[in-house]
Amino acid sequence: MAFSADELRVLRRALAIALHPMPLSDEDVQDCLRLAGSVDEAVGEAGRLRAFLLADLARYRAALPGSVTGYLELLQDALAAGYDPRPDDLAALRGKPLAAALLERCQILAERSVRARLAGRSAALVAPGPRSRLLALPGGRAADREPERPKAPAAPAPAPGRSPAPGPRPAPKPSEVFPPRRRPAPPPSEEERAAG
């Protein structure tokens, strides 16, 4: 996970505040909340990406032997992301000359995983569970006042039998955006070609 310079500034300030508690300005609290939201979003996106990668790997494994090269690339990516090879992966790699080095690497990783499980600890990299939402920091002014309510009332439902009031300009139709193509002119006749 990479942080921008602004996010690093906020993170450094939040860590300093955690070590030396002091009253916070509303801006500091909002910066910390935005950073927490960004980190939560990045963790969620990493989980979705990992799930997609593993589903893709299973699809390629099911399509073997026709998808060997794609499967090998996906398996290497999954291993780089902390995936523990399954027995299905080892079976799929056996007997394929292209996959000899990858099979050896997978056997080593699978052996480590089994030994770790037998020893009672998990070798797999497990993403942390979702954490609770950060509502307020100690010393912040946001804790002193009530949460803000949305100020805009909900739009009333249109009366039955009436169409809703016209809103902003409707989206154009494809035929309005992309005009119809002109038909090509018929080829010149033999007489016109001979004359011209």
N, C-alpha and C. Protein backbone atom coordinates (compact mmCIF):
# COMPACT_ATOMS: atom_id res chain seq x y z
N MET A 1 0.85 -1.17 0.00
CA MET A 1 0.00 0.00 0.00
C MET A 1 0.90 1.23 0.00
N ALA A 2 0.62 2.17 -0.87
CA ALA A 2 1.42 3.39 -0.97
C ALA A 2 0.58 4.58 -0.52
N PHE A 3 1.24 5.53 0.13
CA PHE A 3 0.57 6.72 0.60
C PHE A 3 1.10 7.92 -0.17
N SER A 4 0.22 8.87 -0.42
CA SER A 4 0.66 10.11 -1.05
C SER A 4 1.34 10.97 0.01
N ALA A 5 1.97 12.06 -0.42
CA ALA A 5 2.65 12.94 0.53
C ALA A 5 1.66 13.55 1.52
N ASP A 6 0.47 13.91 1.04
CA ASP A 6 -0.55 14.47 1.92
C ASP A 6 -1.03 13.44 2.94
N GLU A 7 -1.23 12.20 2.49
CA GLU A 7 -1.67 11.15 3.40
C GLU A 7 -0.59 10.83 4.43
N LEU A 8 0.68 10.88 4.03
CA LEU A 8 1.76 10.66 4.99
C LEU A 8 1.80 11.77 6.04
N ARG A 9 1.53 12.99 5.62
CA ARG A 9 1.49 14.11 6.57
C ARG A 9 0.38 13.89 7.59
N VAL A 10 -0.79 13.48 7.12
CA VAL A 10 -1.91 13.22 8.02
C VAL A 10 -1.60 12.04 8.94
N LEU A 11 -1.02 10.99 8.39
CA LEU A 11 -0.67 9.82 9.19
C LEU A 11 0.36 10.17 10.27
N ARG A 12 1.36 10.95 9.91
CA ARG A 12 2.38 11.36 10.88
C ARG A 12 1.74 12.19 11.99
N ARG A 13 0.83 13.10 11.62
CA ARG A 13 0.15 13.93 12.61
C ARG A 13 -0.74 13.09 13.52
N ALA A 14 -1.44 12.10 12.93
CA ALA A 14 -2.32 11.24 13.74
C ALA A 14 -1.51 10.40 14.72
N LEU A 15 -0.36 9.92 14.27
CA LEU A 15 0.49 9.14 15.18
C LEU A 15 1.03 10.02 16.31
N ALA A 16 1.41 11.25 15.99
CA ALA A 16 1.89 12.17 17.02
C ALA A 16 0.78 12.45 18.03
N ILE A 17 -0.44 12.61 17.54
CA ILE A 17 -1.57 12.88 18.44
C ILE A 17 -1.85 11.66 19.31
N ALA A 18 -1.70 10.47 18.74
CA ALA A 18 -1.95 9.25 19.52
C ALA A 18 -0.91 9.11 20.63
N LEU A 19 0.33 9.52 20.37
CA LEU A 19 1.38 9.42 21.39
C LEU A 19 1.27 10.52 22.43
N HIS A 20 0.84 11.70 22.01
CA HIS A 20 0.73 12.85 22.92
C HIS A 20 -0.66 13.46 22.74
N PRO A 21 -1.66 12.92 23.47
CA PRO A 21 -3.03 13.40 23.29
C PRO A 21 -3.16 14.89 23.56
N MET A 22 -3.88 15.56 22.67
CA MET A 22 -4.14 16.99 22.82
C MET A 22 -5.43 17.30 22.07
N PRO A 23 -6.04 18.44 22.36
CA PRO A 23 -7.26 18.81 21.62
C PRO A 23 -6.95 18.95 20.13
N LEU A 24 -7.91 18.55 19.32
CA LEU A 24 -7.72 18.58 17.87
C LEU A 24 -8.64 19.61 17.22
N SER A 25 -8.18 20.14 16.13
CA SER A 25 -9.06 21.02 15.36
C SER A 25 -9.97 20.15 14.49
N ASP A 26 -11.07 20.74 14.05
CA ASP A 26 -12.00 20.00 13.19
C ASP A 26 -11.31 19.53 11.91
N GLU A 27 -10.40 20.35 11.40
CA GLU A 27 -9.69 19.98 10.16
C GLU A 27 -8.84 18.73 10.38
N ASP A 28 -8.16 18.64 11.52
CA ASP A 28 -7.35 17.46 11.82
C ASP A 28 -8.22 16.22 11.93
N VAL A 29 -9.36 16.35 12.58
CA VAL A 29 -10.27 15.22 12.74
C VAL A 29 -10.76 14.76 11.37
N GLN A 30 -11.15 15.71 10.52
CA GLN A 30 -11.63 15.36 9.18
C GLN A 30 -10.53 14.71 8.34
N ASP A 31 -9.30 15.22 8.45
CA ASP A 31 -8.18 14.60 7.73
C ASP A 31 -7.97 13.16 8.17
N CYS A 32 -8.05 12.91 9.48
CA CYS A 32 -7.88 11.55 10.00
C CYS A 32 -9.00 10.63 9.53
N LEU A 33 -10.21 11.15 9.52
CA LEU A 33 -11.35 10.35 9.06
C LEU A 33 -11.22 10.02 7.57
N ARG A 34 -10.78 11.00 6.78
CA ARG A 34 -10.57 10.73 5.34
C ARG A 34 -9.48 9.70 5.13
N LEU A 35 -8.40 9.79 5.91
CA LEU A 35 -7.31 8.82 5.79
C LEU A 35 -7.79 7.43 6.18
N ALA A 36 -8.55 7.34 7.27
CA ALA A 36 -9.09 6.03 7.68
C ALA A 36 -9.99 5.46 6.60
N GLY A 37 -10.81 6.30 5.99
CA GLY A 37 -11.66 5.84 4.89
C GLY A 37 -10.86 5.36 3.70
N SER A 38 -9.78 6.08 3.38
CA SER A 38 -8.93 5.68 2.25
C SER A 38 -8.25 4.34 2.52
N VAL A 39 -7.79 4.16 3.75
CA VAL A 39 -7.14 2.89 4.10
C VAL A 39 -8.16 1.74 4.05
N ASP A 40 -9.35 1.97 4.58
CA ASP A 40 -10.40 0.94 4.52
C ASP A 40 -10.73 0.58 3.08
N GLU A 41 -10.82 1.59 2.23
CA GLU A 41 -11.12 1.35 0.81
C GLU A 41 -10.01 0.56 0.14
N ALA A 42 -8.75 0.88 0.45
CA ALA A 42 -7.62 0.16 -0.14
C ALA A 42 -7.59 -1.30 0.32
N VAL A 43 -7.90 -1.54 1.59
CA VAL A 43 -7.93 -2.91 2.11
C VAL A 43 -9.06 -3.70 1.45
N GLY A 44 -10.21 -3.07 1.31
CA GLY A 44 -11.34 -3.74 0.64
C GLY A 44 -11.03 -4.04 -0.81
N GLU A 45 -10.39 -3.11 -1.50
CA GLU A 45 -10.03 -3.32 -2.91
C GLU A 45 -9.01 -4.43 -3.04
N ALA A 46 -8.06 -4.51 -2.11
CA ALA A 46 -7.08 -5.60 -2.14
C ALA A 46 -7.77 -6.95 -1.95
N GLY A 47 -8.75 -7.00 -1.07
CA GLY A 47 -9.50 -8.24 -0.87
C GLY A 47 -10.29 -8.64 -2.11
N ARG A 48 -10.92 -7.64 -2.76
CA ARG A 48 -11.66 -7.94 -4.00
C ARG A 48 -10.72 -8.40 -5.09
N LEU A 49 -9.55 -7.77 -5.20
CA LEU A 49 -8.57 -8.16 -6.21
C LEU A 49 -8.07 -9.58 -5.96
N ARG A 50 -7.82 -9.91 -4.71
CA ARG A 50 -7.36 -11.26 -4.36
C ARG A 50 -8.44 -12.29 -4.69
N ALA A 51 -9.69 -12.00 -4.37
CA ALA A 51 -10.79 -12.92 -4.68
C ALA A 51 -10.93 -13.11 -6.19
N PHE A 52 -10.78 -12.03 -6.94
CA PHE A 52 -10.86 -12.13 -8.40
C PHE A 52 -9.72 -12.99 -8.94
N LEU A 53 -8.52 -12.77 -8.42
CA LEU A 53 -7.35 -13.53 -8.87
C LEU A 53 -7.54 -15.02 -8.59
N LEU A 54 -8.04 -15.35 -7.41
CA LEU A 54 -8.22 -16.77 -7.07
C LEU A 54 -9.34 -17.40 -7.89
N ALA A 55 -10.39 -16.65 -8.19
CA ALA A 55 -11.47 -17.18 -9.03
C ALA A 55 -10.97 -17.39 -10.46
N ASP A 56 -10.17 -16.46 -10.94
CA ASP A 56 -9.59 -16.59 -12.28
C ASP A 56 -8.65 -17.79 -12.34
N LEU A 57 -7.88 -17.99 -11.29
CA LEU A 57 -6.96 -19.13 -11.22
C LEU A 57 -7.75 -20.44 -11.27
N ALA A 58 -8.84 -20.52 -10.55
CA ALA A 58 -9.67 -21.73 -10.55
C ALA A 58 -10.27 -21.97 -11.94
N ARG A 59 -10.69 -20.89 -12.63
CA ARG A 59 -11.23 -21.05 -13.99
C ARG A 59 -10.18 -21.58 -14.94
N TYR A 60 -8.97 -21.04 -14.87
CA TYR A 60 -7.89 -21.50 -15.74
C TYR A 60 -7.51 -22.94 -15.42
N ARG A 61 -7.50 -23.29 -14.13
CA ARG A 61 -7.17 -24.65 -13.73
C ARG A 61 -8.19 -25.63 -14.29
N ALA A 62 -9.46 -25.24 -14.27
CA ALA A 62 -10.52 -26.10 -14.79
C ALA A 62 -10.42 -26.26 -16.30
N ALA A 63 -9.83 -25.29 -17.00
CA ALA A 63 -9.73 -25.33 -18.45
C ALA A 63 -8.44 -25.99 -18.94
N LEU A 64 -7.65 -26.52 -18.03
CA LEU A 64 -6.40 -27.18 -18.44
C LEU A 64 -6.73 -28.41 -19.28
N PRO A 65 -5.93 -28.85 -20.17
CA PRO A 65 -4.57 -28.46 -20.55
C PRO A 65 -4.52 -27.32 -21.56
N GLY A 66 -5.64 -26.86 -22.07
CA GLY A 66 -5.62 -25.84 -23.11
C GLY A 66 -5.17 -24.48 -22.64
N SER A 67 -5.18 -24.21 -21.36
CA SER A 67 -4.87 -22.89 -20.84
C SER A 67 -3.59 -22.88 -20.01
N VAL A 68 -2.62 -23.69 -20.38
CA VAL A 68 -1.41 -23.86 -19.56
C VAL A 68 -0.67 -22.54 -19.36
N THR A 69 -0.41 -21.81 -20.43
CA THR A 69 0.39 -20.59 -20.26
C THR A 69 -0.33 -19.55 -19.41
N GLY A 70 -1.63 -19.36 -19.63
CA GLY A 70 -2.37 -18.41 -18.80
C GLY A 70 -2.43 -18.85 -17.35
N TYR A 71 -2.60 -20.16 -17.14
CA TYR A 71 -2.66 -20.69 -15.77
C TYR A 71 -1.33 -20.48 -15.05
N LEU A 72 -0.21 -20.72 -15.75
CA LEU A 72 1.10 -20.55 -15.12
C LEU A 72 1.33 -19.10 -14.72
N GLU A 73 0.94 -18.16 -15.59
CA GLU A 73 1.10 -16.73 -15.26
C GLU A 73 0.25 -16.35 -14.04
N LEU A 74 -1.00 -16.81 -14.04
CA LEU A 74 -1.88 -16.49 -12.91
C LEU A 74 -1.39 -17.12 -11.61
N LEU A 75 -0.89 -18.33 -11.69
CA LEU A 75 -0.39 -18.99 -10.49
C LEU A 75 0.83 -18.25 -9.94
N GLN A 76 1.70 -17.78 -10.83
CA GLN A 76 2.86 -17.00 -10.36
C GLN A 76 2.39 -15.71 -9.68
N ASP A 77 1.41 -15.04 -10.27
CA ASP A 77 0.87 -13.82 -9.64
C ASP A 77 0.26 -14.13 -8.28
N ALA A 78 -0.49 -15.23 -8.20
CA ALA A 78 -1.13 -15.60 -6.94
C ALA A 78 -0.09 -15.94 -5.88
N LEU A 79 0.97 -16.64 -6.27
CA LEU A 79 2.03 -16.98 -5.32
C LEU A 79 2.72 -15.72 -4.82
N ALA A 80 2.91 -14.75 -5.70
CA ALA A 80 3.53 -13.49 -5.30
C ALA A 80 2.64 -12.72 -4.33
N ALA A 81 1.33 -12.94 -4.41
CA ALA A 81 0.39 -12.26 -3.51
C ALA A 81 0.17 -13.02 -2.21
N GLY A 82 0.88 -14.15 -2.00
CA GLY A 82 0.77 -14.87 -0.73
C GLY A 82 -0.13 -16.08 -0.77
N TYR A 83 -0.49 -16.56 -1.95
CA TYR A 83 -1.38 -17.72 -2.10
C TYR A 83 -0.62 -19.00 -1.76
N ASP A 84 -1.26 -19.88 -0.98
CA ASP A 84 -0.70 -21.20 -0.70
C ASP A 84 -1.24 -22.17 -1.74
N PRO A 85 -0.35 -22.83 -2.50
CA PRO A 85 -0.84 -23.74 -3.53
C PRO A 85 -1.63 -24.90 -2.92
N ARG A 86 -2.70 -25.26 -3.58
CA ARG A 86 -3.57 -26.36 -3.15
C ARG A 86 -3.13 -27.64 -3.84
N PRO A 87 -3.63 -28.77 -3.37
CA PRO A 87 -3.30 -30.04 -4.05
C PRO A 87 -3.72 -30.04 -5.52
N ASP A 88 -4.82 -29.34 -5.84
CA ASP A 88 -5.24 -29.25 -7.24
C ASP A 88 -4.18 -28.55 -8.09
N ASP A 89 -3.53 -27.53 -7.52
CA ASP A 89 -2.49 -26.81 -8.25
C ASP A 89 -1.30 -27.72 -8.51
N LEU A 90 -0.91 -28.47 -7.48
CA LEU A 90 0.23 -29.38 -7.64
C LEU A 90 -0.07 -30.45 -8.69
N ALA A 91 -1.29 -30.98 -8.65
CA ALA A 91 -1.68 -32.00 -9.62
C ALA A 91 -1.70 -31.42 -11.03
N ALA A 92 -2.14 -30.18 -11.17
CA ALA A 92 -2.20 -29.56 -12.49
C ALA A 92 -0.81 -29.29 -13.06
N LEU A 93 0.17 -29.08 -12.19
CA LEU A 93 1.52 -28.77 -12.66
C LEU A 93 2.34 -30.02 -13.00
N ARG A 94 1.98 -31.14 -12.40
CA ARG A 94 2.76 -32.36 -12.63
C ARG A 94 2.64 -32.79 -14.08
N GLY A 95 3.76 -33.24 -14.65
CA GLY A 95 3.78 -33.75 -16.02
C GLY A 95 3.82 -32.67 -17.08
N LYS A 96 3.98 -31.43 -16.70
CA LYS A 96 4.08 -30.35 -17.68
C LYS A 96 5.50 -29.82 -17.66
N PRO A 97 6.24 -30.02 -18.76
CA PRO A 97 7.64 -29.60 -18.77
C PRO A 97 7.81 -28.08 -18.58
N LEU A 98 6.86 -27.29 -19.02
CA LEU A 98 6.96 -25.84 -18.86
C LEU A 98 6.88 -25.42 -17.40
N ALA A 99 6.29 -26.26 -16.57
CA ALA A 99 6.00 -25.89 -15.20
C ALA A 99 6.92 -26.55 -14.17
N ALA A 100 8.04 -27.09 -14.58
CA ALA A 100 8.91 -27.81 -13.65
C ALA A 100 9.40 -26.91 -12.51
N ALA A 101 9.90 -25.72 -12.85
CA ALA A 101 10.43 -24.82 -11.81
C ALA A 101 9.29 -24.33 -10.91
N LEU A 102 8.14 -24.05 -11.51
CA LEU A 102 7.01 -23.59 -10.72
C LEU A 102 6.48 -24.70 -9.82
N LEU A 103 6.49 -25.94 -10.31
CA LEU A 103 6.06 -27.07 -9.49
C LEU A 103 6.96 -27.22 -8.27
N GLU A 104 8.26 -27.07 -8.47
CA GLU A 104 9.19 -27.18 -7.34
C GLU A 104 8.91 -26.08 -6.30
N ARG A 105 8.69 -24.85 -6.79
CA ARG A 105 8.39 -23.75 -5.87
C ARG A 105 7.09 -24.01 -5.12
N CYS A 106 6.07 -24.51 -5.82
CA CYS A 106 4.78 -24.79 -5.19
C CYS A 106 4.90 -25.91 -4.16
N GLN A 107 5.70 -26.92 -4.44
CA GLN A 107 5.88 -28.01 -3.49
C GLN A 107 6.53 -27.50 -2.21
N ILE A 108 7.51 -26.61 -2.34
CA ILE A 108 8.17 -26.04 -1.16
C ILE A 108 7.17 -25.22 -0.34
N LEU A 109 6.38 -24.38 -1.03
CA LEU A 109 5.40 -23.56 -0.32
C LEU A 109 4.31 -24.41 0.33
N ALA A 110 3.86 -25.46 -0.38
CA ALA A 110 2.82 -26.33 0.18
C ALA A 110 3.35 -27.08 1.40
N GLU A 111 4.61 -27.51 1.33
CA GLU A 111 5.22 -28.21 2.47
C GLU A 111 5.31 -27.28 3.68
N ARG A 112 5.72 -26.03 3.47
CA ARG A 112 5.80 -25.05 4.56
C ARG A 112 4.41 -24.82 5.16
N SER A 113 3.42 -24.73 4.30
CA SER A 113 2.06 -24.48 4.76
C SER A 113 1.54 -25.63 5.62
N VAL A 114 1.80 -26.87 5.18
CA VAL A 114 1.37 -28.04 5.94
C VAL A 114 2.08 -28.10 7.28
N ARG A 115 3.38 -27.84 7.27
CA ARG A 115 4.13 -27.86 8.54
C ARG A 115 3.63 -26.78 9.49
N ALA A 116 3.33 -25.63 8.97
CA ALA A 116 2.83 -24.54 9.82
C ALA A 116 1.47 -24.90 10.39
N ARG A 117 0.62 -25.51 9.57
CA ARG A 117 -0.71 -25.91 10.06
C ARG A 117 -0.59 -26.97 11.14
N LEU A 118 0.33 -27.92 10.95
CA LEU A 118 0.52 -28.96 11.95
C LEU A 118 1.09 -28.38 13.24
N ALA A 119 1.89 -27.33 13.11
CA ALA A 119 2.47 -26.69 14.30
C ALA A 119 1.45 -25.78 14.99
N GLY A 120 0.30 -25.56 14.35
CA GLY A 120 -0.76 -24.79 14.99
C GLY A 120 -0.80 -23.34 14.63
N ARG A 121 -0.06 -22.93 13.64
CA ARG A 121 -0.14 -21.54 13.21
C ARG A 121 -0.46 -21.50 11.72
N SER A 122 -1.04 -20.43 11.31
CA SER A 122 -1.46 -20.29 9.92
C SER A 122 -0.33 -19.67 9.12
N ALA A 123 0.01 -20.27 8.00
CA ALA A 123 1.06 -19.72 7.14
C ALA A 123 0.48 -18.80 6.10
N ALA A 124 -0.81 -18.90 5.86
CA ALA A 124 -1.44 -18.08 4.83
C ALA A 124 -1.53 -16.64 5.29
N LEU A 125 -1.36 -15.74 4.33
CA LEU A 125 -1.53 -14.33 4.63
C LEU A 125 -3.02 -14.04 4.61
N VAL A 126 -3.55 -13.69 5.76
CA VAL A 126 -4.97 -13.44 5.87
C VAL A 126 -5.17 -11.94 6.03
N ALA A 127 -6.02 -11.39 5.21
CA ALA A 127 -6.31 -9.96 5.32
C ALA A 127 -7.07 -9.72 6.62
N PRO A 128 -6.79 -8.62 7.29
CA PRO A 128 -7.51 -8.34 8.53
C PRO A 128 -8.99 -8.14 8.25
N GLY A 129 -9.81 -8.49 9.21
CA GLY A 129 -11.25 -8.33 9.06
C GLY A 129 -11.61 -6.85 9.02
N PRO A 130 -12.81 -6.55 8.63
CA PRO A 130 -13.19 -5.15 8.57
C PRO A 130 -13.21 -4.56 9.97
N ARG A 131 -12.66 -3.37 10.08
CA ARG A 131 -12.62 -2.76 11.39
C ARG A 131 -13.80 -1.83 11.55
N SER A 132 -14.09 -1.50 12.78
CA SER A 132 -15.24 -0.64 13.03
C SER A 132 -14.93 0.77 12.54
N ARG A 133 -15.94 1.49 12.23
CA ARG A 133 -15.79 2.84 11.69
C ARG A 133 -15.27 3.77 12.77
N LEU A 134 -14.30 4.60 12.42
CA LEU A 134 -13.74 5.57 13.34
C LEU A 134 -14.70 6.75 13.42
N LEU A 135 -15.33 6.94 14.56
CA LEU A 135 -16.34 7.98 14.69
C LEU A 135 -15.77 9.29 15.20
N ALA A 136 -14.92 9.26 16.20
CA ALA A 136 -14.36 10.50 16.73
C ALA A 136 -13.05 10.19 17.42
N LEU A 137 -12.20 11.16 17.43
CA LEU A 137 -10.92 11.02 18.14
C LEU A 137 -11.03 11.72 19.48
N PRO A 138 -10.36 11.21 20.51
CA PRO A 138 -10.42 11.88 21.81
C PRO A 138 -9.88 13.31 21.68
N GLY A 139 -10.60 14.24 22.26
CA GLY A 139 -10.16 15.63 22.25
C GLY A 139 -10.68 16.40 21.06
N GLY A 140 -11.31 15.74 20.11
CA GLY A 140 -11.84 16.43 18.94
C GLY A 140 -13.11 17.17 19.26
N ARG A 141 -13.40 18.23 18.52
CA ARG A 141 -14.60 19.00 18.78
C ARG A 141 -15.85 18.31 18.26
N ALA A 142 -15.68 17.37 17.37
CA ALA A 142 -16.84 16.69 16.80
C ALA A 142 -17.59 15.89 17.85
N ALA A 143 -16.93 15.49 18.92
CA ALA A 143 -17.57 14.69 19.96
C ALA A 143 -18.51 15.55 20.82
N ASP A 144 -18.29 16.88 20.84
CA ASP A 144 -19.09 17.76 21.67
C ASP A 144 -20.46 18.08 21.10
N ARG A 145 -20.61 18.01 19.80
CA ARG A 145 -21.89 18.41 19.20
C ARG A 145 -22.60 17.21 18.60
N GLU A 146 -23.86 17.41 18.31
CA GLU A 146 -24.66 16.32 17.73
C GLU A 146 -24.28 16.13 16.27
N PRO A 147 -24.46 14.91 15.77
CA PRO A 147 -24.15 14.69 14.35
C PRO A 147 -25.10 15.49 13.47
N GLU A 148 -24.57 15.94 12.33
CA GLU A 148 -25.35 16.76 11.42
C GLU A 148 -26.38 15.90 10.70
N ARG A 149 -27.55 16.48 10.52
CA ARG A 149 -28.63 15.81 9.80
C ARG A 149 -28.61 16.32 8.36
N PRO A 150 -29.02 15.49 7.43
CA PRO A 150 -29.09 15.98 6.05
C PRO A 150 -30.11 17.11 5.95
N LYS A 151 -29.74 18.20 5.27
CA LYS A 151 -30.59 19.38 5.22
C LYS A 151 -31.59 19.33 4.07
N ALA A 152 -31.26 18.60 3.01
CA ALA A 152 -32.16 18.56 1.84
C ALA A 152 -33.25 17.54 2.09
N PRO A 153 -34.53 17.96 2.00
CA PRO A 153 -35.61 16.99 2.18
C PRO A 153 -35.69 16.08 0.97
N ALA A 154 -36.25 14.90 1.18
CA ALA A 154 -36.41 13.95 0.09
C ALA A 154 -37.44 14.50 -0.89
N ALA A 155 -37.24 14.21 -2.17
CA ALA A 155 -38.16 14.69 -3.20
C ALA A 155 -39.51 14.00 -3.02
N PRO A 156 -40.62 14.75 -3.09
CA PRO A 156 -41.93 14.11 -2.93
C PRO A 156 -42.23 13.21 -4.12
N ALA A 157 -42.97 12.15 -3.85
CA ALA A 157 -43.33 11.22 -4.91
C ALA A 157 -44.38 11.87 -5.80
N PRO A 158 -44.32 11.63 -7.13
CA PRO A 158 -45.32 12.24 -8.01
C PRO A 158 -46.69 11.63 -7.75
N ALA A 159 -47.71 12.43 -7.98
CA ALA A 159 -49.08 11.96 -7.78
C ALA A 159 -49.38 10.85 -8.78
N PRO A 160 -50.24 9.88 -8.40
CA PRO A 160 -50.55 8.81 -9.34
C PRO A 160 -51.22 9.37 -10.59
N GLY A 161 -50.84 8.83 -11.74
CA GLY A 161 -51.42 9.25 -13.00
C GLY A 161 -50.71 10.45 -13.62
N ARG A 162 -49.78 11.04 -12.91
CA ARG A 162 -49.04 12.18 -13.44
C ARG A 162 -47.60 11.76 -13.72
N SER A 163 -47.01 12.39 -14.69
CA SER A 163 -45.60 12.12 -14.94
C SER A 163 -44.78 13.03 -14.04
N PRO A 164 -43.61 12.59 -13.65
CA PRO A 164 -42.80 13.44 -12.76
C PRO A 164 -42.39 14.73 -13.48
N ALA A 165 -42.10 15.74 -12.68
CA ALA A 165 -41.71 17.03 -13.24
C ALA A 165 -40.43 16.86 -14.05
N PRO A 166 -40.31 17.60 -15.16
CA PRO A 166 -39.11 17.45 -15.97
C PRO A 166 -37.88 17.90 -15.18
N GLY A 167 -36.86 17.10 -15.27
CA GLY A 167 -35.63 17.38 -14.55
C GLY A 167 -34.61 17.98 -15.50
N PRO A 168 -33.38 17.71 -15.27
CA PRO A 168 -32.36 18.22 -16.17
C PRO A 168 -32.52 17.58 -17.55
N ARG A 169 -31.82 18.12 -18.49
CA ARG A 169 -31.93 17.66 -19.88
C ARG A 169 -31.69 16.16 -19.96
N PRO A 170 -32.56 15.44 -20.67
CA PRO A 170 -32.38 13.99 -20.74
C PRO A 170 -31.15 13.62 -21.56
N ALA A 171 -30.67 12.43 -21.32
CA ALA A 171 -29.50 11.95 -22.07
C ALA A 171 -29.88 11.77 -23.52
N PRO A 172 -29.01 12.16 -24.44
CA PRO A 172 -29.34 12.02 -25.85
C PRO A 172 -29.36 10.57 -26.28
N LYS A 173 -30.14 10.31 -27.33
CA LYS A 173 -30.21 8.97 -27.90
C LYS A 173 -28.96 8.73 -28.73
N PRO A 174 -28.58 7.47 -28.90
CA PRO A 174 -27.41 7.19 -29.73
C PRO A 174 -27.56 7.73 -31.15
N SER A 175 -28.77 7.73 -31.69
CA SER A 175 -28.95 8.23 -33.06
C SER A 175 -28.73 9.74 -33.13
N GLU A 176 -28.90 10.44 -32.00
CA GLU A 176 -28.64 11.87 -31.98
C GLU A 176 -27.15 12.17 -31.88
N VAL A 177 -26.44 11.31 -31.16
CA VAL A 177 -25.01 11.53 -30.97
C VAL A 177 -24.22 11.06 -32.19
N PHE A 178 -24.57 9.90 -32.70
CA PHE A 178 -23.89 9.32 -33.85
C PHE A 178 -24.85 9.33 -35.03
N PRO A 179 -24.70 10.28 -35.95
CA PRO A 179 -25.64 10.33 -37.08
C PRO A 179 -25.51 9.08 -37.94
N PRO A 180 -26.59 8.76 -38.68
CA PRO A 180 -26.53 7.56 -39.50
C PRO A 180 -25.45 7.70 -40.58
N ARG A 181 -24.89 6.59 -40.94
CA ARG A 181 -23.85 6.58 -41.97
C ARG A 181 -24.48 6.80 -43.34
N ARG A 182 -23.73 7.47 -44.17
CA ARG A 182 -24.21 7.66 -45.54
C ARG A 182 -23.97 6.39 -46.32
N ARG A 183 -24.89 6.10 -47.16
CA ARG A 183 -24.73 4.92 -48.01
C ARG A 183 -23.70 5.25 -49.09
N PRO A 184 -22.86 4.28 -49.42
CA PRO A 184 -21.86 4.56 -50.46
C PRO A 184 -22.55 4.78 -51.81
N ALA A 185 -21.95 5.64 -52.57
CA ALA A 185 -22.49 5.91 -53.91
C ALA A 185 -22.33 4.66 -54.76
N PRO A 186 -23.27 4.41 -55.65
CA PRO A 186 -23.14 3.22 -56.50
C PRO A 186 -21.91 3.34 -57.39
N PRO A 187 -21.28 2.22 -57.69
CA PRO A 187 -20.08 2.28 -58.54
C PRO A 187 -20.44 2.83 -59.92
N PRO A 188 -19.50 3.54 -60.52
CA PRO A 188 -19.79 4.09 -61.84
C PRO A 188 -20.00 2.98 -62.87
N SER A 189 -20.84 3.29 -63.81
CA SER A 189 -21.11 2.28 -64.84
C SER A 189 -19.90 2.11 -65.76
N GLU A 190 -19.96 1.12 -66.60
CA GLU A 190 -18.86 0.83 -67.53
C GLU A 190 -18.61 2.01 -68.46
N GLU A 191 -19.68 2.67 -68.93
CA GLU A 191 -19.53 3.78 -69.85
C GLU A 191 -18.81 4.96 -69.18
N GLU A 192 -19.16 5.23 -67.90
CA GLU A 192 -18.54 6.33 -67.18
C GLU A 192 -17.07 6.03 -66.92
N ARG A 193 -16.73 4.77 -66.61
CA ARG A 193 -15.34 4.41 -66.37
C ARG A 193 -14.52 4.54 -67.63
N ALA A 194 -15.06 4.13 -68.76
CA ALA A 194 -14.33 4.19 -70.02
C ALA A 194 -14.12 5.65 -70.44
N ALA A 195 -15.08 6.53 -70.13
CA ALA A 195 -14.97 7.92 -70.52
C ALA A 195 -14.04 8.69 -69.58
N GLY A 196 -13.95 8.31 -68.36
CA GLY A 196 -13.23 9.10 -67.39
C GLY A 196 -11.92 8.59 -67.08
